Amino acid sequence: MAVSALTLKTPNLHALQTFNPNKSFFTTKPSFSSSSCFCSCSSNADNAKLSTASTSATKKRVFDIGIGLLATSILCFSPLDASATRVEYYATVEEPSCELNFARSGLGYCDVVLGSGVEVPYSELINVHYTARFADGTVFDSSYKRGRPLTMRLGVGKVTKGLDQGILGGEGVPPMLVGGKRKLQIPPELAYGPEPAGCFSGDCNIPGNATLLYEINFVGIYSGNRK
């Protein structure tokens, strides 16, 4: 369930070795032929040794340049993806703690931020960001990891009873306001009950009788509700 948010782009080393903006600087080929004579008194054997040594030195120089440019590209041309880093942060770091209140149903709730907007509407679509954890704090789902809020409709049986009551309110639980952040502790009977949930190909994300912890951020009313 963990995600990686960083991408480093590295240059193509073959392209780096053949890149030649100054006609000779990066090329791996020597700038002279083995038959060239650099001294009128040099023998062919000396020229061959000189050619081999120069070729080796040129290749080493290109290799060193390539390594240097590769390191530079990582440090200077591949900045961290700030948005992805924020998504990972919000998906894994808990909101500040607050003391839970308990409704008669067994739902635990407390407000980290009360919010200052309108109340959550009955049966209309709203946008929320959330992080869902097991009782031990392990994250099993998060809208932040997907990079967008979840659009949901409350009060009509589309979500668990715990989320309906915890966001929409009822039985002593106040409704959330736009901009509010709330923590919920949802007992199994208000969540998925004794049966495992989130199952795919025999694997289930949520075990039976699981108490679930939610951090809800009421982003706003879904704009499609407005005429």
Protein backbone atom coordinates (compact mmCIF):
# COMPACT_ATOMS: atom_id res chain seq x y z
CA MET A 1 0.00 0.00 0.00
CA ALA A 2 3.03 2.26 0.28
CA VAL A 3 3.69 4.60 -2.61
CA SER A 4 6.82 6.12 -4.20
CA ALA A 5 6.54 9.80 -5.14
CA LEU A 6 9.96 10.55 -6.59
CA THR A 7 11.09 10.16 -10.05
CA LEU A 8 14.63 10.79 -11.06
CA LYS A 9 15.42 11.17 -14.71
CA THR A 10 18.89 10.17 -15.82
CA PRO A 11 20.51 10.92 -19.18
CA ASN A 12 21.18 8.24 -21.78
CA LEU A 13 24.88 7.42 -21.37
CA HIS A 14 25.28 6.34 -24.98
CA ALA A 15 23.84 9.63 -26.15
CA LEU A 16 26.08 11.44 -23.67
CA GLN A 17 29.21 9.80 -25.11
CA THR A 18 28.34 10.69 -28.70
CA PHE A 19 27.06 14.21 -27.96
CA ASN A 20 29.50 16.59 -29.61
CA PRO A 21 28.58 20.30 -29.40
CA ASN A 22 32.21 21.37 -29.88
CA LYS A 23 32.94 18.72 -32.55
CA SER A 24 35.51 16.91 -30.40
CA PHE A 25 34.81 17.47 -26.72
CA PHE A 26 32.53 14.53 -25.87
CA THR A 27 33.32 12.13 -28.64
CA THR A 28 34.92 8.81 -27.69
CA LYS A 29 36.84 8.69 -30.94
CA PRO A 30 40.42 10.01 -31.06
CA SER A 31 40.87 13.19 -33.10
CA PHE A 32 43.71 11.66 -35.05
CA SER A 33 44.33 8.50 -37.07
CA SER A 34 46.89 5.80 -36.27
CA SER A 35 48.86 6.75 -39.37
CA SER A 36 49.32 10.35 -38.29
CA CYS A 37 52.91 11.38 -37.48
CA PHE A 38 53.25 13.93 -34.68
CA CYS A 39 57.05 13.93 -34.70
CA SER A 40 59.20 13.57 -37.77
CA CYS A 41 61.49 11.14 -35.95
CA SER A 42 58.76 8.81 -34.58
CA SER A 43 58.47 5.23 -35.86
CA ASN A 44 55.21 3.53 -36.83
CA ALA A 45 55.38 1.49 -33.58
CA ASP A 46 55.71 4.67 -31.56
CA ASN A 47 52.75 6.16 -33.39
CA ALA A 48 50.67 3.06 -32.66
CA LYS A 49 51.54 3.25 -28.95
CA LEU A 50 50.70 6.96 -28.92
CA SER A 51 47.38 6.30 -30.66
CA THR A 52 46.44 3.55 -28.19
CA ALA A 53 47.40 5.63 -25.16
CA SER A 54 45.54 8.67 -26.48
CA THR A 55 42.44 6.61 -27.24
CA SER A 56 42.47 5.14 -23.72
CA ALA A 57 42.93 8.57 -22.16
CA THR A 58 40.10 10.01 -24.27
CA LYS A 59 37.72 7.19 -23.29
CA LYS A 60 38.60 7.65 -19.62
CA ARG A 61 37.98 11.38 -19.94
CA VAL A 62 34.59 10.80 -21.53
CA PHE A 63 33.67 8.25 -18.83
CA ASP A 64 34.62 10.74 -16.09
CA ILE A 65 32.63 13.50 -17.81
CA GLY A 66 29.66 11.16 -18.18
CA ILE A 67 29.66 10.26 -14.48
CA GLY A 68 29.93 13.93 -13.54
CA LEU A 69 27.05 14.95 -15.78
CA LEU A 70 24.94 12.06 -14.53
CA ALA A 71 25.42 13.19 -10.93
CA THR A 72 24.69 16.78 -11.92
CA SER A 73 21.49 15.79 -13.70
CA ILE A 74 20.23 14.02 -10.58
CA LEU A 75 21.07 16.92 -8.27
CA CYS A 76 20.17 19.84 -10.50
CA PHE A 77 17.70 18.73 -13.15
CA SER A 78 15.45 16.32 -11.23
CA PRO A 79 13.80 18.30 -8.42
CA LEU A 80 11.52 16.48 -5.97
CA ASP A 81 7.89 16.32 -6.99
CA ALA A 82 6.47 18.61 -4.31
CA SER A 83 2.84 17.65 -4.96
CA ALA A 84 3.59 13.94 -4.69
CA THR A 85 5.52 14.56 -1.48
CA ARG A 86 2.55 16.41 0.03
CA VAL A 87 0.20 13.61 -0.98
CA GLU A 88 2.43 11.03 0.69
CA TYR A 89 2.71 13.20 3.79
CA TYR A 90 -1.02 13.71 4.25
CA ALA A 91 -1.71 10.05 3.55
CA THR A 92 0.56 8.77 6.30
CA VAL A 93 0.83 11.46 9.00
CA GLU A 94 -2.00 11.67 11.52
CA GLU A 95 -3.91 14.82 12.37
CA PRO A 96 -3.31 16.19 15.89
CA SER A 97 -4.98 14.14 18.58
CA CYS A 98 -8.27 15.15 20.20
CA GLU A 99 -10.41 13.61 22.93
CA LEU A 100 -13.15 11.41 21.54
CA ASN A 101 -16.80 11.85 22.43
CA PHE A 102 -19.05 8.81 22.12
CA ALA A 103 -22.58 8.67 20.77
CA ARG A 104 -25.12 6.11 21.98
CA SER A 105 -24.41 4.08 18.86
CA GLY A 106 -20.80 3.57 19.96
CA LEU A 107 -19.36 5.99 17.40
CA GLY A 108 -16.39 8.01 18.64
CA TYR A 109 -15.81 11.48 17.22
CA CYS A 110 -13.90 14.70 17.84
CA ASP A 111 -13.23 17.82 15.82
CA VAL A 112 -9.64 18.82 15.04
CA VAL A 113 -10.94 21.84 13.07
CA LEU A 114 -14.59 22.92 13.38
CA GLY A 115 -14.85 24.51 9.94
CA SER A 116 -16.65 27.74 9.06
CA GLY A 117 -18.72 26.85 5.99
CA VAL A 118 -22.20 25.46 5.51
CA GLU A 119 -23.40 22.25 7.12
CA VAL A 120 -23.08 19.02 5.23
CA PRO A 121 -26.33 18.55 3.23
CA TYR A 122 -28.54 15.48 3.38
CA SER A 123 -28.46 13.27 0.24
CA GLU A 124 -26.38 15.74 -1.80
CA LEU A 125 -22.94 14.98 -3.18
CA ILE A 126 -20.00 16.34 -1.20
CA ASN A 127 -16.22 16.16 -1.55
CA VAL A 128 -14.11 14.84 1.31
CA HIS A 129 -10.48 13.93 1.77
CA TYR A 130 -9.90 11.10 4.21
CA THR A 131 -7.35 8.71 5.62
CA ALA A 132 -8.58 5.37 6.95
CA ARG A 133 -6.63 3.33 9.49
CA PHE A 134 -6.94 0.17 11.49
CA ALA A 135 -6.97 0.38 15.28
CA ASP A 136 -3.17 -0.06 15.37
CA GLY A 137 -2.70 3.02 13.17
CA THR A 138 -1.94 1.20 9.91
CA VAL A 139 -3.27 3.08 6.86
CA PHE A 140 -5.41 0.90 4.60
CA ASP A 141 -6.99 3.55 2.39
CA SER A 142 -6.58 7.26 1.65
CA SER A 143 -7.96 9.73 -0.86
CA TYR A 144 -4.70 11.68 -0.53
CA LYS A 145 -2.77 8.82 -2.09
CA ARG A 146 -5.01 9.10 -5.13
CA GLY A 147 -4.43 12.84 -5.22
CA ARG A 148 -8.12 13.87 -5.28
CA PRO A 149 -11.03 14.02 -2.82
CA LEU A 150 -13.77 11.42 -2.74
CA THR A 151 -17.24 12.44 -3.90
CA MET A 152 -19.93 10.80 -1.74
CA ARG A 153 -23.62 11.09 -0.96
CA LEU A 154 -24.70 10.86 2.69
CA GLY A 155 -27.90 9.73 4.32
CA VAL A 156 -29.07 7.35 1.60
CA GLY A 157 -27.16 4.17 2.46
CA LYS A 158 -24.24 4.72 0.09
CA VAL A 159 -21.58 4.63 2.83
CA THR A 160 -21.25 2.82 6.16
CA LYS A 161 -23.50 3.84 9.05
CA GLY A 162 -20.47 5.14 10.92
CA LEU A 163 -19.50 7.54 8.13
CA ASP A 164 -23.11 8.65 7.66
CA GLN A 165 -23.49 9.49 11.33
CA GLY A 166 -19.94 10.78 11.75
CA ILE A 167 -20.17 13.32 8.91
CA LEU A 168 -23.88 14.04 8.49
CA GLY A 169 -24.56 13.95 12.23
CA GLY A 170 -27.35 12.48 14.32
CA GLU A 171 -27.90 10.94 17.78
CA GLY A 172 -26.01 13.75 19.45
CA VAL A 173 -23.27 14.00 16.79
CA PRO A 174 -23.22 17.50 15.21
CA PRO A 175 -23.02 17.75 11.40
CA MET A 176 -19.67 18.72 9.92
CA LEU A 177 -19.14 22.16 8.39
CA VAL A 178 -17.23 22.88 5.19
CA GLY A 179 -13.55 23.23 6.05
CA GLY A 180 -13.90 21.03 9.12
CA LYS A 181 -11.63 18.15 10.05
CA ARG A 182 -12.95 15.35 12.22
CA LYS A 183 -11.64 12.10 13.65
CA LEU A 184 -13.95 9.13 13.80
CA GLN A 185 -13.65 5.81 15.63
CA ILE A 186 -16.13 3.46 14.02
CA PRO A 187 -16.95 0.18 15.80
CA PRO A 188 -17.49 -2.96 13.66
CA GLU A 189 -21.28 -2.80 13.90
CA LEU A 190 -21.22 0.66 12.25
CA ALA A 191 -18.54 -0.34 9.75
CA TYR A 192 -18.41 -3.69 7.92
CA GLY A 193 -19.46 -6.03 10.72
CA PRO A 194 -18.19 -9.60 11.14
CA GLU A 195 -17.48 -10.22 7.45
CA PRO A 196 -14.19 -9.20 5.74
CA ALA A 197 -14.48 -6.32 3.28
CA GLY A 198 -12.56 -4.85 0.39
CA CYS A 199 -12.01 -8.30 -1.10
CA PHE A 200 -10.49 -8.99 -4.51
CA SER A 201 -9.43 -12.39 -5.84
CA GLY A 202 -9.68 -13.90 -2.38
CA ASP A 203 -7.61 -11.19 -0.64
CA CYS A 204 -9.45 -8.82 1.72
CA ASN A 205 -8.12 -5.44 2.86
CA ILE A 206 -10.37 -5.22 5.92
CA PRO A 207 -10.74 -8.16 8.32
CA GLY A 208 -14.01 -9.03 10.00
CA ASN A 209 -14.97 -7.22 13.21
CA ALA A 210 -12.50 -4.42 12.54
CA THR A 211 -12.68 -1.11 14.38
CA LEU A 212 -11.81 1.63 11.89
CA LEU A 213 -10.31 5.07 12.43
CA TYR A 214 -11.06 7.84 9.95
CA GLU A 215 -9.69 11.34 9.54
CA ILE A 216 -12.25 13.34 7.54
CA ASN A 217 -11.57 16.67 5.83
CA PHE A 218 -14.86 18.15 4.53
CA VAL A 219 -13.60 19.93 1.43
CA GLY A 220 -16.90 21.25 0.11
CA ILE A 221 -20.21 20.69 -1.65
CA TYR A 222 -19.87 18.99 -5.03
CA SER A 223 -20.38 21.67 -7.68
CA GLY A 224 -22.56 19.38 -9.82
CA ASN A 225 -25.34 19.79 -7.23
CA ARG A 226 -25.79 23.42 -8.20
CA LYS A 227 -28.07 24.31 -11.08
